[in-house]
């Protein structure tokens, strides 16, 4: 079985009946990141994530946190498994805390305040409380890669269906997904879009951003598609990576809307088969079939 899945038996209680049934759930395990730079080794963070695409996760996290600006800022990444976790029923899953040593380019200048002595990131909350709109405005960011097409119910439904087709979610129902619908030559390539899954919303997006950084140097424009609600941290990551449009199944926070408007990000939430909400001043992107009316 893949490392991101875990077999269990659970009790299903329905009406007055209790049945013992097999099930598949998503794995959540810790990953520790240490930064090696100019002969100094510093612990950077411990994040709870779903195993898989750890390298992409590291690239994406370090880029969106302002540690690196390009893939070339990392020389190598070394993996060192630590001792097994205590009281862990592995059932075939490694049960190891994976430690990664990231060897940064010697010439890279890092602002000291960006490297906290240590922080913990839980898969559900991301690196909370570290940033604000003002701090984000001062960070080095990729230029926005604009997309020029009209939003329609049919398009939103297609994007929603792509999220529902992700393999780990289909088996477990317990992970989030982030994907990028490529936009090139006035065409949206929905079928070949890269998607990444993780028990944490922020991790899924970091994996996607890391993948695009390694593969395309974040030069590919497109629609960022997210499976959950939209917090400020997710908009922050989109801004840092230069993505100009976000479509999500869930609701945005007020700070996420503020950030999207400030940095000219198209923000769509509550994506459903027959409706969606546009939270930013981009009504010119609405399809002609959508009647605009203030109520």
C-alpha atoms as a PDB file:
ATOM      1  CA  UNK A   1       0.000   0.000   0.000  1.00  0.00           C
ATOM      2  CA  UNK A   2       1.304   3.533  -0.745  1.00  0.00           C
ATOM      3  CA  UNK A   3       2.796   5.476   2.187  1.00  0.00           C
ATOM      4  CA  UNK A   4       0.007   8.050   1.986  1.00  0.00           C
ATOM      5  CA  UNK A   5      -2.738   5.505   2.794  1.00  0.00           C
ATOM      6  CA  UNK A   6      -3.522   3.457   5.901  1.00  0.00           C
ATOM      7  CA  UNK A   7      -5.806   0.407   6.280  1.00  0.00           C
ATOM      8  CA  UNK A   8      -8.072   0.244   9.306  1.00  0.00           C
ATOM      9  CA  UNK A   9     -11.302  -1.345  10.490  1.00  0.00           C
ATOM     10  CA  UNK A  10     -13.973   0.933  11.884  1.00  0.00           C
ATOM     11  CA  UNK A  11     -17.491   0.648  13.236  1.00  0.00           C
ATOM     12  CA  UNK A  12     -20.230   1.997  11.019  1.00  0.00           C
ATOM     13  CA  UNK A  13     -23.257   3.008  13.054  1.00  0.00           C
ATOM     14  CA  UNK A  14     -26.440   3.462  11.047  1.00  0.00           C
ATOM     15  CA  UNK A  15     -29.896   3.590  12.614  1.00  0.00           C
ATOM     16  CA  UNK A  16     -29.874   0.687  15.110  1.00  0.00           C
ATOM     17  CA  UNK A  17     -27.184  -1.353  13.365  1.00  0.00           C
ATOM     18  CA  UNK A  18     -23.423  -1.497  13.999  1.00  0.00           C
ATOM     19  CA  UNK A  19     -21.134  -3.072  11.388  1.00  0.00           C
ATOM     20  CA  UNK A  20     -17.353  -3.578  11.436  1.00  0.00           C
ATOM     21  CA  UNK A  21     -15.998  -2.566   8.027  1.00  0.00           C
ATOM     22  CA  UNK A  22     -12.579  -2.065   6.419  1.00  0.00           C
ATOM     23  CA  UNK A  23     -11.592   1.445   5.432  1.00  0.00           C
ATOM     24  CA  UNK A  24      -8.724   3.437   3.951  1.00  0.00           C
ATOM     25  CA  UNK A  25      -7.630   6.678   5.605  1.00  0.00           C
ATOM     26  CA  UNK A  26      -5.041   9.318   4.774  1.00  0.00           C
ATOM     27  CA  UNK A  27      -1.694   9.172   6.576  1.00  0.00           C
ATOM     28  CA  UNK A  28      -0.456  12.144   8.611  1.00  0.00           C
ATOM     29  CA  UNK A  29       3.181  12.116   9.730  1.00  0.00           C
ATOM     30  CA  UNK A  30       5.763  14.715  10.803  1.00  0.00           C
ATOM     31  CA  UNK A  31       8.487  16.074   8.565  1.00  0.00           C
ATOM     32  CA  UNK A  32      11.353  18.100   9.996  1.00  0.00           C
ATOM     33  CA  UNK A  33      13.234  20.659   7.898  1.00  0.00           C
ATOM     34  CA  UNK A  34      16.743  21.900   8.717  1.00  0.00           C
ATOM     35  CA  UNK A  35      18.521  24.607   6.740  1.00  0.00           C
ATOM     36  CA  UNK A  36      22.250  24.374   6.062  1.00  0.00           C
ATOM     37  CA  UNK A  37      23.728  27.715   5.002  1.00  0.00           C
ATOM     38  CA  UNK A  38      27.280  29.021   5.201  1.00  0.00           C
ATOM     39  CA  UNK A  39      28.440  26.197   7.485  1.00  0.00           C
ATOM     40  CA  UNK A  40      25.539  26.683   9.897  1.00  0.00           C
ATOM     41  CA  UNK A  41      22.744  24.162  10.440  1.00  0.00           C
ATOM     42  CA  UNK A  42      19.484  25.547  11.810  1.00  0.00           C
ATOM     43  CA  UNK A  43      16.168  23.822  12.510  1.00  0.00           C
ATOM     44  CA  UNK A  44      13.532  25.574  10.416  1.00  0.00           C
ATOM     45  CA  UNK A  45      10.308  23.747  11.040  1.00  0.00           C
ATOM     46  CA  UNK A  46       8.336  20.624  11.764  1.00  0.00           C
ATOM     47  CA  UNK A  47       5.244  20.139   9.648  1.00  0.00           C
ATOM     48  CA  UNK A  48       2.553  17.484   9.760  1.00  0.00           C
ATOM     49  CA  UNK A  49       1.896  16.265   6.245  1.00  0.00           C
ATOM     50  CA  UNK A  50       0.761  13.356   4.122  1.00  0.00           C
ATOM     51  CA  UNK A  51       3.887  11.528   2.855  1.00  0.00           C
ATOM     52  CA  UNK A  52       4.596  11.951  -0.839  1.00  0.00           C
ATOM     53  CA  UNK A  53       6.107  14.782  -2.887  1.00  0.00           C
ATOM     54  CA  UNK A  54       8.138  15.899   0.126  1.00  0.00           C
ATOM     55  CA  UNK A  55      10.766  17.547  -2.085  1.00  0.00           C
ATOM     56  CA  UNK A  56       8.140  19.629  -3.883  1.00  0.00           C
ATOM     57  CA  UNK A  57       6.640  20.544  -0.504  1.00  0.00           C
ATOM     58  CA  UNK A  58      10.017  21.824   0.724  1.00  0.00           C
ATOM     59  CA  UNK A  59      10.632  23.899  -2.412  1.00  0.00           C
ATOM     60  CA  UNK A  60       7.149  25.377  -2.293  1.00  0.00           C
ATOM     61  CA  UNK A  61       7.254  26.134   1.430  1.00  0.00           C
ATOM     62  CA  UNK A  62      10.658  27.826   1.300  1.00  0.00           C
ATOM     63  CA  UNK A  63       9.645  29.913  -1.720  1.00  0.00           C
ATOM     64  CA  UNK A  64       6.333  31.106  -0.264  1.00  0.00           C
ATOM     65  CA  UNK A  65       8.009  31.898   3.062  1.00  0.00           C
ATOM     66  CA  UNK A  66      10.601  34.055   1.299  1.00  0.00           C
ATOM     67  CA  UNK A  67      13.639  31.886   2.065  1.00  0.00           C
ATOM     68  CA  UNK A  68      14.412  31.146  -1.592  1.00  0.00           C
ATOM     69  CA  UNK A  69      13.542  32.944  -4.828  1.00  0.00           C
ATOM     70  CA  UNK A  70      14.340  30.215  -7.343  1.00  0.00           C
ATOM     71  CA  UNK A  71      14.995  26.487  -7.515  1.00  0.00           C
ATOM     72  CA  UNK A  72      18.699  27.246  -7.977  1.00  0.00           C
ATOM     73  CA  UNK A  73      18.873  28.631  -4.418  1.00  0.00           C
ATOM     74  CA  UNK A  74      18.835  25.029  -3.166  1.00  0.00           C
ATOM     75  CA  UNK A  75      21.930  22.973  -3.873  1.00  0.00           C
ATOM     76  CA  UNK A  76      20.773  19.619  -2.484  1.00  0.00           C
ATOM     77  CA  UNK A  77      18.199  18.115  -0.153  1.00  0.00           C
ATOM     78  CA  UNK A  78      19.264  15.177   2.025  1.00  0.00           C
ATOM     79  CA  UNK A  79      16.787  12.848   3.719  1.00  0.00           C
ATOM     80  CA  UNK A  80      17.676  11.292   7.069  1.00  0.00           C
ATOM     81  CA  UNK A  81      15.065   9.033   8.705  1.00  0.00           C
ATOM     82  CA  UNK A  82      14.914   9.366  12.458  1.00  0.00           C
ATOM     83  CA  UNK A  83      13.820   6.864  15.092  1.00  0.00           C
ATOM     84  CA  UNK A  84      10.309   5.396  14.950  1.00  0.00           C
ATOM     85  CA  UNK A  85       7.539   7.380  16.584  1.00  0.00           C
ATOM     86  CA  UNK A  86       6.508   6.092  20.031  1.00  0.00           C
ATOM     87  CA  UNK A  87       3.255   4.167  20.411  1.00  0.00           C
ATOM     88  CA  UNK A  88       2.683   4.113  16.665  1.00  0.00           C
ATOM     89  CA  UNK A  89       0.772   1.258  15.061  1.00  0.00           C
ATOM     90  CA  UNK A  90       2.412   1.212  11.668  1.00  0.00           C
ATOM     91  CA  UNK A  91       0.517  -1.527   9.789  1.00  0.00           C
ATOM     92  CA  UNK A  92       2.982  -1.192   6.952  1.00  0.00           C
ATOM     93  CA  UNK A  93       3.425   2.588   7.115  1.00  0.00           C
ATOM     94  CA  UNK A  94       6.976   3.698   7.879  1.00  0.00           C
ATOM     95  CA  UNK A  95       6.185   5.399  11.200  1.00  0.00           C
ATOM     96  CA  UNK A  96       9.339   7.513  10.842  1.00  0.00           C
ATOM     97  CA  UNK A  97       9.808  11.211  11.373  1.00  0.00           C
ATOM     98  CA  UNK A  98      11.494  12.175   8.129  1.00  0.00           C
ATOM     99  CA  UNK A  99      14.231  14.753   8.545  1.00  0.00           C
ATOM    100  CA  UNK A 100      15.372  16.758   5.540  1.00  0.00           C
ATOM    101  CA  UNK A 101      18.543  18.843   5.456  1.00  0.00           C
ATOM    102  CA  UNK A 102      18.246  21.586   2.848  1.00  0.00           C
ATOM    103  CA  UNK A 103      21.633  22.781   1.633  1.00  0.00           C
ATOM    104  CA  UNK A 104      21.173  26.357   0.455  1.00  0.00           C
ATOM    105  CA  UNK A 105      23.342  28.170  -2.084  1.00  0.00           C
ATOM    106  CA  UNK A 106      26.251  29.862  -0.288  1.00  0.00           C
ATOM    107  CA  UNK A 107      25.691  33.173  -2.092  1.00  0.00           C
ATOM    108  CA  UNK A 108      22.044  33.318  -1.018  1.00  0.00           C
ATOM    109  CA  UNK A 109      21.314  36.224   1.318  1.00  0.00           C
ATOM    110  CA  UNK A 110      18.662  35.361   3.907  1.00  0.00           C
ATOM    111  CA  UNK A 111      17.100  37.888   6.223  1.00  0.00           C
ATOM    112  CA  UNK A 112      17.639  36.529   9.712  1.00  0.00           C
ATOM    113  CA  UNK A 113      14.091  37.227  10.892  1.00  0.00           C
ATOM    114  CA  UNK A 114      12.734  34.880   8.228  1.00  0.00           C
ATOM    115  CA  UNK A 115      14.433  31.927   9.905  1.00  0.00           C
ATOM    116  CA  UNK A 116      12.702  31.398  13.217  1.00  0.00           C
ATOM    117  CA  UNK A 117      14.640  29.268  15.734  1.00  0.00           C
ATOM    118  CA  UNK A 118      11.840  26.731  15.516  1.00  0.00           C
ATOM    119  CA  UNK A 119       8.190  26.592  14.582  1.00  0.00           C
ATOM    120  CA  UNK A 120       5.562  23.899  14.371  1.00  0.00           C
ATOM    121  CA  UNK A 121       3.170  23.698  11.465  1.00  0.00           C
ATOM    122  CA  UNK A 122       0.100  21.534  11.846  1.00  0.00           C
ATOM    123  CA  UNK A 123      -1.349  20.171   8.634  1.00  0.00           C
ATOM    124  CA  UNK A 124      -4.668  21.926   9.175  1.00  0.00           C
ATOM    125  CA  UNK A 125      -3.485  25.434  10.022  1.00  0.00           C
ATOM    126  CA  UNK A 126      -0.307  26.174   8.126  1.00  0.00           C
ATOM    127  CA  UNK A 127       2.281  28.662   9.365  1.00  0.00           C
ATOM    128  CA  UNK A 128      -0.208  30.889  11.127  1.00  0.00           C
ATOM    129  CA  UNK A 129       0.286  34.359  12.549  1.00  0.00           C
ATOM    130  CA  UNK A 130       3.573  35.058  10.787  1.00  0.00           C
ATOM    131  CA  UNK A 131       2.415  37.413   8.111  1.00  0.00           C
ATOM    132  CA  UNK A 132       0.149  40.355   7.426  1.00  0.00           C
ATOM    133  CA  UNK A 133      -0.827  42.375   4.381  1.00  0.00           C
ATOM    134  CA  UNK A 134       1.945  44.850   5.102  1.00  0.00           C
ATOM    135  CA  UNK A 135       4.573  42.139   5.490  1.00  0.00           C
ATOM    136  CA  UNK A 136       3.395  40.436   2.303  1.00  0.00           C
ATOM    137  CA  UNK A 137       3.709  43.721   0.414  1.00  0.00           C
ATOM    138  CA  UNK A 138       7.398  43.885   1.335  1.00  0.00           C
ATOM    139  CA  UNK A 139       8.257  40.334   0.316  1.00  0.00           C
ATOM    140  CA  UNK A 140       9.907  39.567  -3.047  1.00  0.00           C
ATOM    141  CA  UNK A 141       7.209  38.102  -5.275  1.00  0.00           C
ATOM    142  CA  UNK A 142       6.908  36.620  -8.740  1.00  0.00           C
ATOM    143  CA  UNK A 143       5.112  38.814 -11.283  1.00  0.00           C
ATOM    144  CA  UNK A 144       1.440  37.957 -11.671  1.00  0.00           C
ATOM    145  CA  UNK A 145       0.772  35.688 -14.644  1.00  0.00           C
ATOM    146  CA  UNK A 146      -2.539  37.081 -15.897  1.00  0.00           C
ATOM    147  CA  UNK A 147      -5.167  34.898 -17.519  1.00  0.00           C
ATOM    148  CA  UNK A 148      -7.617  36.416 -19.994  1.00  0.00           C
ATOM    149  CA  UNK A 149     -10.850  34.475 -20.364  1.00  0.00           C
ATOM    150  CA  UNK A 150     -14.397  34.620 -19.084  1.00  0.00           C
ATOM    151  CA  UNK A 151     -15.772  32.722 -16.114  1.00  0.00           C
ATOM    152  CA  UNK A 152     -18.834  30.590 -16.709  1.00  0.00           C
ATOM    153  CA  UNK A 153     -20.884  28.013 -14.817  1.00  0.00           C
ATOM    154  CA  UNK A 154     -19.695  25.334 -17.233  1.00  0.00           C
ATOM    155  CA  UNK A 155     -16.027  26.126 -16.548  1.00  0.00           C
ATOM    156  CA  UNK A 156     -16.505  26.209 -12.770  1.00  0.00           C
ATOM    157  CA  UNK A 157     -18.290  22.851 -12.918  1.00  0.00           C
ATOM    158  CA  UNK A 158     -15.380  21.351 -14.891  1.00  0.00           C
ATOM    159  CA  UNK A 159     -12.862  22.611 -12.316  1.00  0.00           C
ATOM    160  CA  UNK A 160     -14.978  21.239  -9.471  1.00  0.00           C
ATOM    161  CA  UNK A 161     -15.154  17.850 -11.185  1.00  0.00           C
ATOM    162  CA  UNK A 162     -11.357  17.742 -11.519  1.00  0.00           C
ATOM    163  CA  UNK A 163     -10.999  18.167  -7.765  1.00  0.00           C
ATOM    164  CA  UNK A 164     -13.459  15.330  -7.116  1.00  0.00           C
ATOM    165  CA  UNK A 165     -11.422  12.972  -9.336  1.00  0.00           C
ATOM    166  CA  UNK A 166      -8.233  13.114  -7.240  1.00  0.00           C
ATOM    167  CA  UNK A 167      -7.208   9.549  -6.265  1.00  0.00           C
ATOM    168  CA  UNK A 168      -6.406   9.865  -2.551  1.00  0.00           C
ATOM    169  CA  UNK A 169      -9.516  11.925  -1.863  1.00  0.00           C
ATOM    170  CA  UNK A 170     -11.601   9.396  -3.783  1.00  0.00           C
ATOM    171  CA  UNK A 171     -10.350   6.624  -1.481  1.00  0.00           C
ATOM    172  CA  UNK A 172     -10.258   8.428   1.863  1.00  0.00           C
ATOM    173  CA  UNK A 173     -12.313  11.616   1.659  1.00  0.00           C
ATOM    174  CA  UNK A 174      -9.775  13.017   4.120  1.00  0.00           C
ATOM    175  CA  UNK A 175      -7.365  15.175   2.114  1.00  0.00           C
ATOM    176  CA  UNK A 176      -7.265  18.497   0.314  1.00  0.00           C
ATOM    177  CA  UNK A 177      -6.155  19.067  -3.255  1.00  0.00           C
ATOM    178  CA  UNK A 178      -4.491  21.916  -5.134  1.00  0.00           C
ATOM    179  CA  UNK A 179      -4.157  22.032  -8.905  1.00  0.00           C
ATOM    180  CA  UNK A 180      -3.114  24.390 -11.673  1.00  0.00           C
ATOM    181  CA  UNK A 181      -5.162  24.535 -14.860  1.00  0.00           C
ATOM    182  CA  UNK A 182      -2.632  25.627 -17.462  1.00  0.00           C
ATOM    183  CA  UNK A 183      -3.541  28.619 -19.602  1.00  0.00           C
ATOM    184  CA  UNK A 184      -1.620  28.886 -22.864  1.00  0.00           C
ATOM    185  CA  UNK A 185      -2.435  30.283 -26.301  1.00  0.00           C
ATOM    186  CA  UNK A 186      -5.951  31.260 -25.134  1.00  0.00           C
ATOM    187  CA  UNK A 187      -6.621  27.655 -24.141  1.00  0.00           C
ATOM    188  CA  UNK A 188      -7.275  26.058 -20.737  1.00  0.00           C
ATOM    189  CA  UNK A 189      -5.767  22.567 -20.495  1.00  0.00           C
ATOM    190  CA  UNK A 190      -8.087  21.075 -17.884  1.00  0.00           C
ATOM    191  CA  UNK A 191      -7.405  17.390 -18.522  1.00  0.00           C
ATOM    192  CA  UNK A 192      -3.600  17.591 -18.103  1.00  0.00           C
ATOM    193  CA  UNK A 193      -3.527  19.829 -15.040  1.00  0.00           C
ATOM    194  CA  UNK A 194      -1.117  18.839 -12.230  1.00  0.00           C
ATOM    195  CA  UNK A 195      -2.818  18.178  -8.875  1.00  0.00           C
ATOM    196  CA  UNK A 196      -1.334  17.451  -5.467  1.00  0.00           C
ATOM    197  CA  UNK A 197      -3.042  16.113  -2.356  1.00  0.00           C
ATOM    198  CA  UNK A 198      -2.297  16.400   1.349  1.00  0.00           C
ATOM    199  CA  UNK A 199      -4.123  16.264   4.638  1.00  0.00           C
ATOM    200  CA  UNK A 200      -3.239  19.964   4.992  1.00  0.00           C
ATOM    201  CA  UNK A 201      -4.546  22.623   2.588  1.00  0.00           C
ATOM    202  CA  UNK A 202      -1.341  24.608   2.834  1.00  0.00           C
ATOM    203  CA  UNK A 203       0.823  21.553   2.191  1.00  0.00           C
ATOM    204  CA  UNK A 204      -1.129  20.614  -0.940  1.00  0.00           C
ATOM    205  CA  UNK A 205      -0.572  24.109  -2.339  1.00  0.00           C
ATOM    206  CA  UNK A 206       3.111  24.117  -1.359  1.00  0.00           C
ATOM    207  CA  UNK A 207       3.583  20.800  -3.181  1.00  0.00           C
ATOM    208  CA  UNK A 208       2.008  22.283  -6.304  1.00  0.00           C
ATOM    209  CA  UNK A 209       4.079  25.464  -6.120  1.00  0.00           C
ATOM    210  CA  UNK A 210       7.257  23.459  -5.533  1.00  0.00           C
ATOM    211  CA  UNK A 211       6.469  21.280  -8.543  1.00  0.00           C
ATOM    212  CA  UNK A 212       5.901  24.318 -10.755  1.00  0.00           C
ATOM    213  CA  UNK A 213       9.062  25.971  -9.433  1.00  0.00           C
ATOM    214  CA  UNK A 214      11.173  22.905 -10.275  1.00  0.00           C
ATOM    215  CA  UNK A 215       9.518  22.108 -13.603  1.00  0.00           C
ATOM    216  CA  UNK A 216       8.590  25.509 -15.064  1.00  0.00           C
ATOM    217  CA  UNK A 217      10.336  28.077 -12.828  1.00  0.00           C
ATOM    218  CA  UNK A 218       6.802  29.320 -12.037  1.00  0.00           C
ATOM    219  CA  UNK A 219       6.489  30.751 -15.541  1.00  0.00           C
ATOM    220  CA  UNK A 220       3.298  28.843 -16.422  1.00  0.00           C
ATOM    221  CA  UNK A 221       0.076  30.812 -16.028  1.00  0.00           C
ATOM    222  CA  UNK A 222      -3.237  29.256 -15.113  1.00  0.00           C
ATOM    223  CA  UNK A 223      -6.099  28.910 -12.654  1.00  0.00           C
ATOM    224  CA  UNK A 224      -5.229  27.823  -9.121  1.00  0.00           C
ATOM    225  CA  UNK A 225      -7.904  25.332  -8.012  1.00  0.00           C
ATOM    226  CA  UNK A 226      -8.311  24.587  -4.294  1.00  0.00           C
ATOM    227  CA  UNK A 227     -10.551  22.090  -2.554  1.00  0.00           C
ATOM    228  CA  UNK A 228     -11.220  23.865   0.741  1.00  0.00           C
ATOM    229  CA  UNK A 229     -11.828  27.254   2.258  1.00  0.00           C
ATOM    230  CA  UNK A 230      -9.523  30.147   1.406  1.00  0.00           C
ATOM    231  CA  UNK A 231      -7.517  31.572   4.280  1.00  0.00           C
ATOM    232  CA  UNK A 232      -5.051  34.445   4.056  1.00  0.00           C
ATOM    233  CA  UNK A 233      -2.086  32.073   3.974  1.00  0.00           C
ATOM    234  CA  UNK A 234      -3.315  30.450   0.757  1.00  0.00           C
ATOM    235  CA  UNK A 235      -3.737  33.825  -0.980  1.00  0.00           C
ATOM    236  CA  UNK A 236      -0.283  34.767   0.307  1.00  0.00           C
ATOM    237  CA  UNK A 237       1.216  31.672  -1.301  1.00  0.00           C
ATOM    238  CA  UNK A 238      -0.574  32.435  -4.588  1.00  0.00           C
ATOM    239  CA  UNK A 239       0.795  35.987  -4.526  1.00  0.00           C
ATOM    240  CA  UNK A 240       4.349  34.809  -3.826  1.00  0.00           C
ATOM    241  CA  UNK A 241       4.146  32.327  -6.722  1.00  0.00           C
ATOM    242  CA  UNK A 242       2.533  34.832  -9.100  1.00  0.00           C
ATOM    243  CA  UNK A 243      -0.795  33.071  -9.697  1.00  0.00           C
ATOM    244  CA  UNK A 244      -3.498  35.578 -10.631  1.00  0.00           C
ATOM    245  CA  UNK A 245      -6.684  33.529 -10.190  1.00  0.00           C
ATOM    246  CA  UNK A 246      -7.987  31.265  -7.417  1.00  0.00           C
ATOM    247  CA  UNK A 247     -11.085  29.082  -7.661  1.00  0.00           C
ATOM    248  CA  UNK A 248     -12.034  27.212  -4.482  1.00  0.00           C
ATOM    249  CA  UNK A 249     -14.877  25.069  -3.219  1.00  0.00           C
ATOM    250  CA  UNK A 250     -15.029  26.815   0.154  1.00  0.00           C
ATOM    251  CA  UNK A 251     -15.440  30.294   1.574  1.00  0.00           C
ATOM    252  CA  UNK A 252     -12.730  32.942   1.890  1.00  0.00           C
ATOM    253  CA  UNK A 253     -11.868  34.810   5.051  1.00  0.00           C
ATOM    254  CA  UNK A 254     -12.136  38.597   5.161  1.00  0.00           C
ATOM    255  CA  UNK A 255      -8.328  38.911   5.174  1.00  0.00           C
ATOM    256  CA  UNK A 256      -8.069  36.597   2.165  1.00  0.00           C
ATOM    257  CA  UNK A 257     -10.475  38.897   0.264  1.00  0.00           C
ATOM    258  CA  UNK A 258      -8.495  41.966   1.309  1.00  0.00           C
ATOM    259  CA  UNK A 259      -5.251  40.396   0.139  1.00  0.00           C
ATOM    260  CA  UNK A 260      -6.769  39.283  -3.178  1.00  0.00           C
ATOM    261  CA  UNK A 261      -8.053  42.789  -3.898  1.00  0.00           C
ATOM    262  CA  UNK A 262      -4.802  44.455  -2.834  1.00  0.00           C
ATOM    263  CA  UNK A 263      -2.676  42.231  -5.087  1.00  0.00           C
ATOM    264  CA  UNK A 264      -5.182  42.028  -7.976  1.00  0.00           C
ATOM    265  CA  UNK A 265      -5.959  38.315  -7.573  1.00  0.00           C
ATOM    266  CA  UNK A 266      -9.233  37.034  -9.036  1.00  0.00           C
ATOM    267  CA  UNK A 267     -10.904  35.209  -6.139  1.00  0.00           C
ATOM    268  CA  UNK A 268     -13.775  32.768  -6.650  1.00  0.00           C
ATOM    269  CA  UNK A 269     -15.281  30.773  -3.786  1.00  0.00           C
ATOM    270  CA  UNK A 270     -18.199  28.435  -3.118  1.00  0.00           C
ATOM    271  CA  UNK A 271     -17.700  26.873  -6.557  1.00  0.00           C
ATOM    272  CA  UNK A 272     -20.760  24.732  -7.293  1.00  0.00           C
ATOM    273  CA  UNK A 273     -22.327  23.162 -10.368  1.00  0.00           C
ATOM    274  CA  UNK A 274     -24.759  26.034 -10.930  1.00  0.00           C
ATOM    275  CA  UNK A 275     -23.307  28.935  -8.951  1.00  0.00           C
ATOM    276  CA  UNK A 276     -20.128  30.565  -7.687  1.00  0.00           C
ATOM    277  CA  UNK A 277     -19.147  33.701  -5.767  1.00  0.00           C
ATOM    278  CA  UNK A 278     -16.773  36.329  -7.169  1.00  0.00           C
ATOM    279  CA  UNK A 279     -15.207  38.266  -4.280  1.00  0.00           C
ATOM    280  CA  UNK A 280     -12.998  40.701  -6.182  1.00  0.00           C
ATOM    281  CA  UNK A 281     -13.591  43.558  -8.612  1.00  0.00           C
ATOM    282  CA  UNK A 282     -13.253  41.505 -11.795  1.00  0.00           C
ATOM    283  CA  UNK A 283     -16.838  41.372 -13.059  1.00  0.00           C
ATOM    284  CA  UNK A 284     -15.473  41.994 -16.576  1.00  0.00           C
ATOM    285  CA  UNK A 285     -14.406  38.318 -16.502  1.00  0.00           C
ATOM    286  CA  UNK A 286     -17.980  37.090 -16.196  1.00  0.00           C
ATOM    287  CA  UNK A 287     -19.409  35.304 -19.205  1.00  0.00           C
ATOM    288  CA  UNK A 288     -21.961  37.244 -21.263  1.00  0.00           C
ATOM    289  CA  UNK A 289     -24.565  34.675 -20.254  1.00  0.00           C
ATOM    290  CA  UNK A 290     -24.260  35.804 -16.629  1.00  0.00           C
ATOM    291  CA  UNK A 291     -26.581  38.752 -15.986  1.00  0.00           C
ATOM    292  CA  UNK A 292     -25.014  41.292 -13.622  1.00  0.00           C
ATOM    293  CA  UNK A 293     -27.486  42.676 -11.094  1.00  0.00           C
ATOM    294  CA  UNK A 294     -27.064  44.347  -7.721  1.00  0.00           C
ATOM    295  CA  UNK A 295     -29.492  43.120  -5.063  1.00  0.00           C
END
